[in-house]
Amino acid sequence: MKLNSFEFGLLTGALRRLVQEQVDIRQWRKLGAIDCPEGHALDIGCGQGHGIKLAVSEFGAGKVDAFDTDERMLERSRLATDKLRNIQLRNHSATQIPAADASYDLVFDYQVFHHIDDWPAAIREVHRVMKPNAQLLIAESLPGLIEGSWWGRRMDHPKENRFTAIALQSALQSIGFRLSQSRIIGDHFIWLVATKA
């Protein structure tokens, strides 16, 4: 979905990049995230492109496919990654990923699933394109942040079918993921590593 001006500003600033580097990746490492040297990675909502750069610099990916549904974000990603090789950017949704089955060694979800109306369909599609034993690294916002905070209420998010931490974990397991322990902060944030069985 296209971001409103408040969230666009929030997600294109230095704070977002800092959170990805100093919070998201550190949480995933504590939960068992592993490198994929020269592997094929996917960033399902690339935003300003910093996650693409981290897939290469922090996880060793040799090739990264990334997409977003907001052309403004894709343009920022193009600028941010123009010196990197083997990067492919597209305008697509996580519910219809243009890739063959078992394509990816590592998939990144930096706060994307909660933007998708049919998030279970997105999880099924991500599962389809992952190789066996590939990891899906999840950093997500939960209803307490989205509905119960000042800044969360200023963002546009789907109003129906919102997931809790338990619902998200149950959906992942029912689709065929093995889950790490999760790191949950109240009803606001969750980080976990989901491995395709």
N, C-alpha and C. Protein backbone atom coordinates (compact mmCIF):
# COMPACT_ATOMS: atom_id res chain seq x y z
N MET A 1 0.83 -1.18 0.00
CA MET A 1 0.00 0.00 0.00
C MET A 1 0.87 1.24 0.00
N LYS A 2 0.36 2.31 -0.57
CA LYS A 2 1.10 3.56 -0.61
C LYS A 2 1.03 4.23 0.76
N LEU A 3 2.17 4.70 1.23
CA LEU A 3 2.26 5.30 2.55
C LEU A 3 1.72 6.73 2.55
N ASN A 4 1.10 7.12 3.67
CA ASN A 4 0.71 8.53 3.78
C ASN A 4 1.96 9.37 4.07
N SER A 5 1.81 10.68 4.07
CA SER A 5 2.97 11.56 4.18
C SER A 5 3.69 11.40 5.52
N PHE A 6 2.94 11.13 6.59
CA PHE A 6 3.58 10.96 7.90
C PHE A 6 4.48 9.73 7.90
N GLU A 7 3.95 8.60 7.44
CA GLU A 7 4.74 7.37 7.47
C GLU A 7 5.86 7.40 6.43
N PHE A 8 5.60 8.02 5.29
CA PHE A 8 6.65 8.15 4.29
C PHE A 8 7.85 8.89 4.87
N GLY A 9 7.58 9.99 5.57
CA GLY A 9 8.66 10.74 6.20
C GLY A 9 9.38 9.93 7.26
N LEU A 10 8.62 9.18 8.05
CA LEU A 10 9.21 8.36 9.10
C LEU A 10 10.11 7.26 8.53
N LEU A 11 9.67 6.65 7.43
CA LEU A 11 10.38 5.50 6.88
C LEU A 11 11.47 5.85 5.88
N THR A 12 11.64 7.14 5.60
CA THR A 12 12.71 7.53 4.70
C THR A 12 13.81 8.31 5.43
N GLY A 13 13.72 8.37 6.74
CA GLY A 13 14.71 9.13 7.50
C GLY A 13 15.80 8.26 8.10
N ALA A 14 16.72 8.94 8.76
CA ALA A 14 17.86 8.26 9.38
C ALA A 14 17.43 7.33 10.51
N LEU A 15 16.34 7.66 11.20
CA LEU A 15 15.88 6.83 12.32
C LEU A 15 15.54 5.43 11.84
N ARG A 16 14.88 5.32 10.68
CA ARG A 16 14.52 4.00 10.15
C ARG A 16 15.77 3.17 9.86
N ARG A 17 16.77 3.79 9.26
CA ARG A 17 18.01 3.06 8.96
C ARG A 17 18.69 2.62 10.25
N LEU A 18 18.68 3.46 11.25
CA LEU A 18 19.29 3.14 12.54
C LEU A 18 18.57 1.96 13.21
N VAL A 19 17.25 1.95 13.16
CA VAL A 19 16.48 0.84 13.74
C VAL A 19 16.81 -0.46 13.02
N GLN A 20 16.89 -0.43 11.71
CA GLN A 20 17.23 -1.65 10.97
C GLN A 20 18.60 -2.18 11.39
N GLU A 21 19.57 -1.30 11.49
CA GLU A 21 20.94 -1.72 11.82
C GLU A 21 21.10 -2.13 13.28
N GLN A 22 20.60 -1.31 14.19
CA GLN A 22 20.90 -1.47 15.60
C GLN A 22 19.86 -2.25 16.39
N VAL A 23 18.67 -2.39 15.85
CA VAL A 23 17.62 -3.12 16.56
C VAL A 23 17.25 -4.40 15.81
N ASP A 24 16.74 -4.25 14.60
CA ASP A 24 16.23 -5.43 13.87
C ASP A 24 17.30 -6.50 13.68
N ILE A 25 18.44 -6.13 13.13
CA ILE A 25 19.48 -7.13 12.86
C ILE A 25 20.01 -7.72 14.16
N ARG A 26 20.18 -6.92 15.17
CA ARG A 26 20.67 -7.45 16.45
C ARG A 26 19.68 -8.44 17.06
N GLN A 27 18.39 -8.12 16.98
CA GLN A 27 17.38 -9.06 17.50
C GLN A 27 17.41 -10.37 16.70
N TRP A 28 17.47 -10.27 15.38
CA TRP A 28 17.50 -11.48 14.56
C TRP A 28 18.72 -12.34 14.85
N ARG A 29 19.86 -11.70 15.05
CA ARG A 29 21.07 -12.47 15.36
C ARG A 29 20.90 -13.22 16.68
N LYS A 30 20.32 -12.58 17.67
CA LYS A 30 20.08 -13.24 18.96
C LYS A 30 19.13 -14.42 18.81
N LEU A 31 18.25 -14.35 17.81
CA LEU A 31 17.25 -15.39 17.59
C LEU A 31 17.71 -16.46 16.60
N GLY A 32 18.96 -16.37 16.14
CA GLY A 32 19.53 -17.43 15.32
C GLY A 32 19.64 -17.15 13.84
N ALA A 33 19.50 -15.90 13.41
CA ALA A 33 19.66 -15.59 11.99
C ALA A 33 21.09 -15.92 11.55
N ILE A 34 21.20 -16.53 10.37
CA ILE A 34 22.50 -16.92 9.86
C ILE A 34 22.79 -16.20 8.54
N ASP A 35 24.05 -16.17 8.17
CA ASP A 35 24.46 -15.55 6.91
C ASP A 35 24.08 -16.43 5.74
N CYS A 36 24.06 -15.82 4.55
CA CYS A 36 23.85 -16.60 3.31
C CYS A 36 24.91 -16.17 2.31
N PRO A 37 26.16 -16.59 2.53
CA PRO A 37 27.27 -16.14 1.68
C PRO A 37 26.99 -16.40 0.20
N GLU A 38 27.00 -15.33 -0.57
CA GLU A 38 26.75 -15.37 -2.01
C GLU A 38 25.37 -15.92 -2.34
N GLY A 39 24.48 -15.97 -1.35
CA GLY A 39 23.13 -16.49 -1.58
C GLY A 39 22.22 -15.46 -2.23
N HIS A 40 21.00 -15.90 -2.47
CA HIS A 40 19.97 -15.09 -3.13
C HIS A 40 18.97 -14.65 -2.07
N ALA A 41 18.88 -13.34 -1.85
CA ALA A 41 18.00 -12.80 -0.81
C ALA A 41 16.83 -12.03 -1.44
N LEU A 42 15.77 -11.89 -0.65
CA LEU A 42 14.58 -11.15 -1.07
C LEU A 42 14.19 -10.19 0.04
N ASP A 43 13.94 -8.93 -0.33
CA ASP A 43 13.43 -7.91 0.59
C ASP A 43 12.01 -7.60 0.12
N ILE A 44 11.00 -7.99 0.91
CA ILE A 44 9.62 -7.95 0.42
C ILE A 44 8.96 -6.57 0.47
N GLY A 45 9.60 -5.59 1.04
CA GLY A 45 9.08 -4.23 1.05
C GLY A 45 10.26 -3.30 1.25
N CYS A 46 10.97 -3.02 0.19
CA CYS A 46 12.33 -2.48 0.33
C CYS A 46 12.40 -1.04 0.81
N GLY A 47 11.31 -0.30 0.79
CA GLY A 47 11.35 1.06 1.31
C GLY A 47 12.45 1.88 0.67
N GLN A 48 13.26 2.53 1.49
CA GLN A 48 14.32 3.41 0.99
C GLN A 48 15.58 2.65 0.54
N GLY A 49 15.58 1.32 0.66
CA GLY A 49 16.67 0.52 0.13
C GLY A 49 17.76 0.15 1.11
N HIS A 50 17.67 0.61 2.34
CA HIS A 50 18.75 0.32 3.29
C HIS A 50 18.81 -1.17 3.63
N GLY A 51 17.66 -1.83 3.69
CA GLY A 51 17.65 -3.26 3.96
C GLY A 51 18.36 -4.07 2.88
N ILE A 52 18.30 -3.59 1.64
CA ILE A 52 19.01 -4.26 0.55
C ILE A 52 20.51 -4.20 0.81
N LYS A 53 20.98 -3.02 1.17
CA LYS A 53 22.40 -2.85 1.46
C LYS A 53 22.83 -3.73 2.64
N LEU A 54 21.97 -3.86 3.64
CA LEU A 54 22.29 -4.69 4.80
C LEU A 54 22.30 -6.17 4.45
N ALA A 55 21.44 -6.59 3.51
CA ALA A 55 21.45 -7.99 3.06
C ALA A 55 22.82 -8.36 2.51
N VAL A 56 23.44 -7.40 1.83
CA VAL A 56 24.77 -7.63 1.25
C VAL A 56 25.86 -7.49 2.31
N SER A 57 25.85 -6.37 3.04
CA SER A 57 26.97 -6.08 3.95
C SER A 57 26.94 -6.91 5.23
N GLU A 58 25.74 -7.22 5.74
CA GLU A 58 25.63 -7.93 7.03
C GLU A 58 25.39 -9.42 6.88
N PHE A 59 24.79 -9.85 5.78
CA PHE A 59 24.45 -11.27 5.61
C PHE A 59 25.18 -11.92 4.45
N GLY A 60 25.91 -11.15 3.67
CA GLY A 60 26.73 -11.72 2.61
C GLY A 60 26.01 -12.10 1.33
N ALA A 61 24.77 -11.65 1.15
CA ALA A 61 24.01 -12.02 -0.04
C ALA A 61 24.76 -11.60 -1.30
N GLY A 62 24.77 -12.49 -2.29
CA GLY A 62 25.40 -12.18 -3.57
C GLY A 62 24.45 -11.58 -4.57
N LYS A 63 23.16 -11.78 -4.33
CA LYS A 63 22.13 -11.26 -5.22
C LYS A 63 20.91 -10.92 -4.36
N VAL A 64 20.29 -9.78 -4.64
CA VAL A 64 19.10 -9.37 -3.87
C VAL A 64 18.00 -8.93 -4.83
N ASP A 65 16.85 -9.55 -4.69
CA ASP A 65 15.63 -9.08 -5.36
C ASP A 65 14.85 -8.30 -4.31
N ALA A 66 14.26 -7.20 -4.73
CA ALA A 66 13.52 -6.38 -3.78
C ALA A 66 12.33 -5.75 -4.50
N PHE A 67 11.26 -5.57 -3.75
CA PHE A 67 10.12 -4.89 -4.35
C PHE A 67 9.38 -4.06 -3.33
N ASP A 68 8.58 -3.17 -3.86
CA ASP A 68 7.71 -2.31 -3.06
C ASP A 68 6.54 -1.94 -3.96
N THR A 69 5.44 -1.52 -3.37
CA THR A 69 4.29 -1.10 -4.18
C THR A 69 4.21 0.41 -4.29
N ASP A 70 5.15 1.11 -3.68
CA ASP A 70 5.17 2.57 -3.70
C ASP A 70 6.34 3.02 -4.58
N GLU A 71 6.04 3.61 -5.73
CA GLU A 71 7.09 4.02 -6.67
C GLU A 71 8.07 5.02 -6.06
N ARG A 72 7.59 5.84 -5.11
CA ARG A 72 8.50 6.78 -4.46
C ARG A 72 9.59 6.03 -3.70
N MET A 73 9.21 4.95 -3.05
CA MET A 73 10.19 4.14 -2.32
C MET A 73 11.14 3.42 -3.28
N LEU A 74 10.61 2.92 -4.37
CA LEU A 74 11.47 2.25 -5.35
C LEU A 74 12.51 3.20 -5.91
N GLU A 75 12.13 4.44 -6.14
CA GLU A 75 13.10 5.42 -6.64
C GLU A 75 14.20 5.67 -5.62
N ARG A 76 13.83 5.75 -4.35
CA ARG A 76 14.83 5.92 -3.30
C ARG A 76 15.74 4.70 -3.21
N SER A 77 15.16 3.51 -3.38
CA SER A 77 15.96 2.29 -3.36
C SER A 77 16.94 2.26 -4.52
N ARG A 78 16.49 2.69 -5.68
CA ARG A 78 17.39 2.74 -6.84
C ARG A 78 18.59 3.64 -6.57
N LEU A 79 18.33 4.78 -6.00
CA LEU A 79 19.42 5.72 -5.69
C LEU A 79 20.35 5.16 -4.61
N ALA A 80 19.76 4.50 -3.60
CA ALA A 80 20.56 3.98 -2.48
C ALA A 80 21.45 2.82 -2.89
N THR A 81 21.03 2.07 -3.90
CA THR A 81 21.75 0.83 -4.25
C THR A 81 22.42 0.90 -5.62
N ASP A 82 22.54 2.08 -6.18
CA ASP A 82 23.05 2.18 -7.56
C ASP A 82 24.49 1.71 -7.72
N LYS A 83 25.24 1.62 -6.63
CA LYS A 83 26.63 1.15 -6.73
C LYS A 83 26.76 -0.35 -6.44
N LEU A 84 25.65 -1.00 -6.10
CA LEU A 84 25.68 -2.43 -5.81
C LEU A 84 25.38 -3.22 -7.08
N ARG A 85 25.95 -4.42 -7.16
CA ARG A 85 25.70 -5.31 -8.28
C ARG A 85 24.67 -6.36 -7.90
N ASN A 86 24.02 -6.91 -8.91
CA ASN A 86 23.08 -8.02 -8.74
C ASN A 86 21.88 -7.65 -7.86
N ILE A 87 21.38 -6.44 -8.07
CA ILE A 87 20.18 -5.98 -7.36
C ILE A 87 19.07 -5.83 -8.39
N GLN A 88 17.91 -6.41 -8.09
CA GLN A 88 16.77 -6.27 -8.98
C GLN A 88 15.61 -5.67 -8.20
N LEU A 89 15.11 -4.52 -8.66
CA LEU A 89 14.01 -3.82 -8.02
C LEU A 89 12.77 -3.87 -8.90
N ARG A 90 11.62 -4.14 -8.27
CA ARG A 90 10.36 -4.22 -9.01
C ARG A 90 9.22 -3.67 -8.18
N ASN A 91 8.15 -3.31 -8.87
CA ASN A 91 6.91 -2.91 -8.20
C ASN A 91 6.00 -4.13 -8.14
N HIS A 92 5.99 -4.77 -6.97
CA HIS A 92 5.16 -5.96 -6.77
C HIS A 92 4.68 -6.03 -5.33
N SER A 93 3.69 -6.85 -5.13
CA SER A 93 3.16 -7.10 -3.79
C SER A 93 3.67 -8.44 -3.29
N ALA A 94 3.75 -8.57 -1.97
CA ALA A 94 4.18 -9.83 -1.36
C ALA A 94 3.17 -10.95 -1.55
N THR A 95 1.97 -10.63 -2.02
CA THR A 95 0.97 -11.68 -2.26
C THR A 95 1.12 -12.31 -3.64
N GLN A 96 1.96 -11.72 -4.51
CA GLN A 96 2.20 -12.27 -5.85
C GLN A 96 3.66 -12.02 -6.21
N ILE A 97 4.52 -12.88 -5.73
CA ILE A 97 5.96 -12.69 -5.93
C ILE A 97 6.37 -13.30 -7.27
N PRO A 98 7.00 -12.50 -8.14
CA PRO A 98 7.39 -13.00 -9.47
C PRO A 98 8.67 -13.81 -9.41
N ALA A 99 8.59 -14.97 -8.80
CA ALA A 99 9.76 -15.85 -8.68
C ALA A 99 9.30 -17.30 -8.66
N ALA A 100 10.18 -18.17 -9.08
CA ALA A 100 9.88 -19.60 -9.07
C ALA A 100 9.87 -20.13 -7.64
N ASP A 101 9.28 -21.29 -7.47
CA ASP A 101 9.33 -21.97 -6.18
C ASP A 101 10.79 -22.17 -5.77
N ALA A 102 11.05 -22.11 -4.46
CA ALA A 102 12.38 -22.42 -3.90
C ALA A 102 13.49 -21.58 -4.53
N SER A 103 13.28 -20.27 -4.60
CA SER A 103 14.27 -19.37 -5.21
C SER A 103 15.23 -18.74 -4.22
N TYR A 104 14.81 -18.53 -2.97
CA TYR A 104 15.56 -17.66 -2.07
C TYR A 104 16.14 -18.37 -0.85
N ASP A 105 17.35 -17.92 -0.48
CA ASP A 105 18.04 -18.42 0.72
C ASP A 105 17.68 -17.64 1.96
N LEU A 106 17.23 -16.39 1.80
CA LEU A 106 16.97 -15.51 2.94
C LEU A 106 15.95 -14.46 2.51
N VAL A 107 14.95 -14.22 3.38
CA VAL A 107 13.92 -13.23 3.08
C VAL A 107 13.80 -12.28 4.27
N PHE A 108 13.68 -10.99 3.96
CA PHE A 108 13.57 -9.95 4.98
C PHE A 108 12.18 -9.35 5.00
N ASP A 109 11.61 -9.25 6.20
CA ASP A 109 10.34 -8.54 6.43
C ASP A 109 10.62 -7.44 7.45
N TYR A 110 10.92 -6.25 6.93
CA TYR A 110 11.08 -5.08 7.79
C TYR A 110 9.74 -4.35 7.85
N GLN A 111 8.85 -4.80 8.74
CA GLN A 111 7.58 -4.10 8.96
C GLN A 111 6.70 -4.04 7.72
N VAL A 112 6.51 -5.18 7.06
CA VAL A 112 5.72 -5.19 5.83
C VAL A 112 4.39 -5.91 5.99
N PHE A 113 4.37 -7.08 6.61
CA PHE A 113 3.15 -7.88 6.66
C PHE A 113 1.96 -7.11 7.23
N HIS A 114 2.19 -6.26 8.22
CA HIS A 114 1.05 -5.55 8.82
C HIS A 114 0.44 -4.50 7.90
N HIS A 115 1.07 -4.23 6.76
CA HIS A 115 0.51 -3.32 5.76
C HIS A 115 -0.39 -4.05 4.77
N ILE A 116 -0.40 -5.36 4.80
CA ILE A 116 -1.06 -6.16 3.76
C ILE A 116 -2.40 -6.67 4.27
N ASP A 117 -3.47 -6.38 3.52
CA ASP A 117 -4.81 -6.84 3.92
C ASP A 117 -4.84 -8.34 4.12
N ASP A 118 -4.38 -9.08 3.12
CA ASP A 118 -4.37 -10.55 3.20
C ASP A 118 -2.97 -11.02 3.57
N TRP A 119 -2.55 -10.72 4.78
CA TRP A 119 -1.20 -11.09 5.21
C TRP A 119 -0.96 -12.60 5.23
N PRO A 120 -1.97 -13.45 5.53
CA PRO A 120 -1.70 -14.90 5.44
C PRO A 120 -1.33 -15.33 4.01
N ALA A 121 -1.96 -14.70 3.00
CA ALA A 121 -1.60 -15.02 1.62
C ALA A 121 -0.16 -14.62 1.33
N ALA A 122 0.27 -13.49 1.87
CA ALA A 122 1.65 -13.05 1.69
C ALA A 122 2.62 -14.03 2.33
N ILE A 123 2.29 -14.52 3.50
CA ILE A 123 3.17 -15.49 4.17
C ILE A 123 3.26 -16.79 3.37
N ARG A 124 2.12 -17.24 2.83
CA ARG A 124 2.13 -18.45 2.00
C ARG A 124 3.00 -18.24 0.76
N GLU A 125 2.90 -17.06 0.16
CA GLU A 125 3.67 -16.78 -1.04
C GLU A 125 5.17 -16.70 -0.74
N VAL A 126 5.52 -16.08 0.39
CA VAL A 126 6.92 -16.04 0.80
C VAL A 126 7.44 -17.46 1.03
N HIS A 127 6.65 -18.28 1.70
CA HIS A 127 7.03 -19.67 1.94
C HIS A 127 7.29 -20.40 0.62
N ARG A 128 6.43 -20.17 -0.36
CA ARG A 128 6.57 -20.83 -1.66
C ARG A 128 7.91 -20.53 -2.32
N VAL A 129 8.36 -19.27 -2.25
CA VAL A 129 9.57 -18.89 -2.98
C VAL A 129 10.86 -19.14 -2.20
N MET A 130 10.75 -19.62 -0.97
CA MET A 130 11.94 -19.91 -0.17
C MET A 130 12.44 -21.32 -0.42
N LYS A 131 13.75 -21.47 -0.39
CA LYS A 131 14.36 -22.80 -0.45
C LYS A 131 14.15 -23.52 0.88
N PRO A 132 14.22 -24.85 0.89
CA PRO A 132 14.18 -25.57 2.17
C PRO A 132 15.31 -25.09 3.08
N ASN A 133 14.99 -24.90 4.32
CA ASN A 133 15.91 -24.41 5.36
C ASN A 133 16.29 -22.94 5.21
N ALA A 134 15.68 -22.23 4.27
CA ALA A 134 15.88 -20.78 4.18
C ALA A 134 15.20 -20.10 5.37
N GLN A 135 15.68 -18.92 5.70
CA GLN A 135 15.13 -18.17 6.84
C GLN A 135 14.36 -16.94 6.38
N LEU A 136 13.25 -16.71 7.06
CA LEU A 136 12.47 -15.48 6.93
C LEU A 136 12.68 -14.69 8.21
N LEU A 137 13.27 -13.50 8.09
CA LEU A 137 13.56 -12.65 9.24
C LEU A 137 12.45 -11.62 9.37
N ILE A 138 11.75 -11.66 10.51
CA ILE A 138 10.54 -10.87 10.70
C ILE A 138 10.74 -9.82 11.78
N ALA A 139 10.43 -8.58 11.43
CA ALA A 139 10.31 -7.48 12.40
C ALA A 139 8.96 -6.83 12.12
N GLU A 140 8.04 -6.91 13.06
CA GLU A 140 6.68 -6.45 12.80
C GLU A 140 6.12 -5.60 13.94
N SER A 141 5.19 -4.73 13.55
CA SER A 141 4.42 -3.96 14.52
C SER A 141 3.13 -4.70 14.82
N LEU A 142 2.67 -4.56 16.05
CA LEU A 142 1.47 -5.25 16.53
C LEU A 142 0.38 -4.23 16.85
N PRO A 143 -0.84 -4.67 17.12
CA PRO A 143 -1.97 -3.75 17.30
C PRO A 143 -1.76 -2.68 18.37
N GLY A 144 -1.04 -2.99 19.43
CA GLY A 144 -0.84 -1.98 20.47
C GLY A 144 -0.15 -0.74 19.95
N LEU A 145 0.78 -0.94 19.02
CA LEU A 145 1.46 0.22 18.42
C LEU A 145 0.58 0.87 17.35
N ILE A 146 0.03 0.04 16.49
CA ILE A 146 -0.70 0.56 15.34
C ILE A 146 -1.99 1.27 15.76
N GLU A 147 -2.71 0.69 16.72
CA GLU A 147 -4.00 1.24 17.11
C GLU A 147 -3.94 2.05 18.39
N GLY A 148 -2.93 1.79 19.22
CA GLY A 148 -2.95 2.38 20.55
C GLY A 148 -1.94 3.47 20.81
N SER A 149 -1.17 3.85 19.80
CA SER A 149 -0.18 4.89 20.02
C SER A 149 -0.49 6.11 19.17
N TRP A 150 0.00 7.25 19.60
CA TRP A 150 -0.23 8.51 18.88
C TRP A 150 0.29 8.41 17.45
N TRP A 151 1.53 7.91 17.31
CA TRP A 151 2.11 7.90 15.97
C TRP A 151 1.55 6.78 15.12
N GLY A 152 1.17 5.66 15.75
CA GLY A 152 0.56 4.58 14.99
C GLY A 152 -0.76 4.98 14.37
N ARG A 153 -1.55 5.79 15.08
CA ARG A 153 -2.84 6.23 14.56
C ARG A 153 -2.71 7.24 13.42
N ARG A 154 -1.52 7.77 13.22
CA ARG A 154 -1.30 8.72 12.13
C ARG A 154 -0.83 8.04 10.84
N MET A 155 -0.74 6.72 10.88
CA MET A 155 -0.37 5.95 9.69
C MET A 155 -1.61 5.26 9.14
N ASP A 156 -1.57 4.97 7.86
CA ASP A 156 -2.66 4.24 7.21
C ASP A 156 -2.32 2.75 7.19
N HIS A 157 -3.13 1.96 7.89
CA HIS A 157 -2.94 0.52 7.90
C HIS A 157 -4.29 -0.16 7.69
N PRO A 158 -4.29 -1.38 7.20
CA PRO A 158 -5.56 -2.10 7.08
C PRO A 158 -6.26 -2.16 8.43
N LYS A 159 -7.57 -1.96 8.41
CA LYS A 159 -8.35 -1.94 9.66
C LYS A 159 -8.84 -3.33 10.06
N GLU A 160 -8.97 -4.21 9.10
CA GLU A 160 -9.48 -5.56 9.36
C GLU A 160 -8.34 -6.57 9.35
N ASN A 161 -8.60 -7.73 9.95
CA ASN A 161 -7.67 -8.86 9.89
C ASN A 161 -6.28 -8.52 10.43
N ARG A 162 -6.26 -7.74 11.48
CA ARG A 162 -4.99 -7.36 12.12
C ARG A 162 -4.46 -8.56 12.91
N PHE A 163 -3.14 -8.82 12.87
CA PHE A 163 -2.61 -9.97 13.60
C PHE A 163 -1.99 -9.56 14.92
N THR A 164 -2.15 -10.45 15.90
CA THR A 164 -1.44 -10.36 17.17
C THR A 164 -0.17 -11.20 17.04
N ALA A 165 0.68 -11.17 18.04
CA ALA A 165 1.89 -12.00 18.02
C ALA A 165 1.52 -13.48 17.92
N ILE A 166 0.52 -13.89 18.69
CA ILE A 166 0.10 -15.30 18.68
C ILE A 166 -0.46 -15.69 17.32
N ALA A 167 -1.30 -14.83 16.74
CA ALA A 167 -1.90 -15.14 15.43
C ALA A 167 -0.83 -15.22 14.35
N LEU A 168 0.14 -14.33 14.39
CA LEU A 168 1.22 -14.36 13.40
C LEU A 168 2.02 -15.65 13.53
N GLN A 169 2.39 -16.01 14.73
CA GLN A 169 3.18 -17.23 14.93
C GLN A 169 2.39 -18.47 14.55
N SER A 170 1.11 -18.50 14.86
CA SER A 170 0.27 -19.65 14.50
C SER A 170 0.16 -19.79 12.99
N ALA A 171 -0.01 -18.67 12.29
CA ALA A 171 -0.11 -18.72 10.84
C ALA A 171 1.19 -19.22 10.22
N LEU A 172 2.31 -18.73 10.71
CA LEU A 172 3.60 -19.18 10.20
C LEU A 172 3.78 -20.69 10.39
N GLN A 173 3.43 -21.19 11.55
CA GLN A 173 3.58 -22.62 11.83
C GLN A 173 2.63 -23.46 10.98
N SER A 174 1.41 -22.98 10.79
CA SER A 174 0.43 -23.75 10.02
C SER A 174 0.83 -23.84 8.54
N ILE A 175 1.58 -22.85 8.06
CA ILE A 175 2.02 -22.85 6.66
C ILE A 175 3.25 -23.75 6.47
N GLY A 176 3.99 -24.01 7.55
CA GLY A 176 5.12 -24.92 7.45
C GLY A 176 6.45 -24.34 7.87
N PHE A 177 6.43 -23.29 8.66
CA PHE A 177 7.66 -22.72 9.20
C PHE A 177 7.97 -23.28 10.58
N ARG A 178 9.26 -23.45 10.86
CA ARG A 178 9.74 -23.68 12.22
C ARG A 178 10.14 -22.33 12.78
N LEU A 179 9.73 -22.04 14.01
CA LEU A 179 9.96 -20.72 14.57
C LEU A 179 11.02 -20.72 15.65
N SER A 180 11.81 -19.67 15.65
CA SER A 180 12.73 -19.43 16.76
C SER A 180 11.91 -18.93 17.95
N GLN A 181 12.54 -18.77 19.07
CA GLN A 181 11.91 -18.02 20.13
C GLN A 181 11.69 -16.62 19.59
N SER A 182 10.67 -15.95 20.10
CA SER A 182 10.40 -14.60 19.62
C SER A 182 10.84 -13.58 20.66
N ARG A 183 11.08 -12.39 20.20
CA ARG A 183 11.32 -11.24 21.07
C ARG A 183 10.12 -10.33 20.89
N ILE A 184 9.33 -10.16 21.96
CA ILE A 184 8.11 -9.37 21.90
C ILE A 184 8.19 -8.24 22.93
N ILE A 185 7.83 -7.06 22.50
CA ILE A 185 7.74 -5.92 23.42
C ILE A 185 6.26 -5.56 23.54
N GLY A 186 5.66 -5.94 24.67
CA GLY A 186 4.25 -5.67 24.91
C GLY A 186 3.39 -6.14 23.76
N ASP A 187 2.43 -5.30 23.38
CA ASP A 187 1.60 -5.58 22.22
C ASP A 187 2.00 -4.62 21.09
N HIS A 188 3.33 -4.32 21.04
CA HIS A 188 3.80 -3.32 20.10
C HIS A 188 4.70 -3.88 19.00
N PHE A 189 5.67 -4.73 19.36
CA PHE A 189 6.65 -5.20 18.38
C PHE A 189 6.94 -6.68 18.58
N ILE A 190 7.27 -7.34 17.47
CA ILE A 190 7.73 -8.73 17.53
C ILE A 190 8.87 -8.92 16.52
N TRP A 191 9.89 -9.67 16.94
CA TRP A 191 10.97 -10.12 16.05
C TRP A 191 11.03 -11.63 16.17
N LEU A 192 11.20 -12.32 15.05
CA LEU A 192 11.42 -13.75 15.08
C LEU A 192 12.05 -14.21 13.79
N VAL A 193 12.59 -15.41 13.83
CA VAL A 193 13.20 -16.05 12.67
C VAL A 193 12.36 -17.29 12.35
N ALA A 194 11.85 -17.34 11.12
CA ALA A 194 11.04 -18.47 10.68
C ALA A 194 11.81 -19.23 9.61
N THR A 195 12.01 -20.52 9.82
CA THR A 195 12.77 -21.35 8.89
C THR A 195 11.84 -22.27 8.13
N LYS A 196 12.00 -22.32 6.82
CA LYS A 196 11.15 -23.20 6.01
C LYS A 196 11.56 -24.64 6.26
N ALA A 197 10.62 -25.43 6.68
CA ALA A 197 10.90 -26.84 7.01
C ALA A 197 11.19 -27.64 5.75
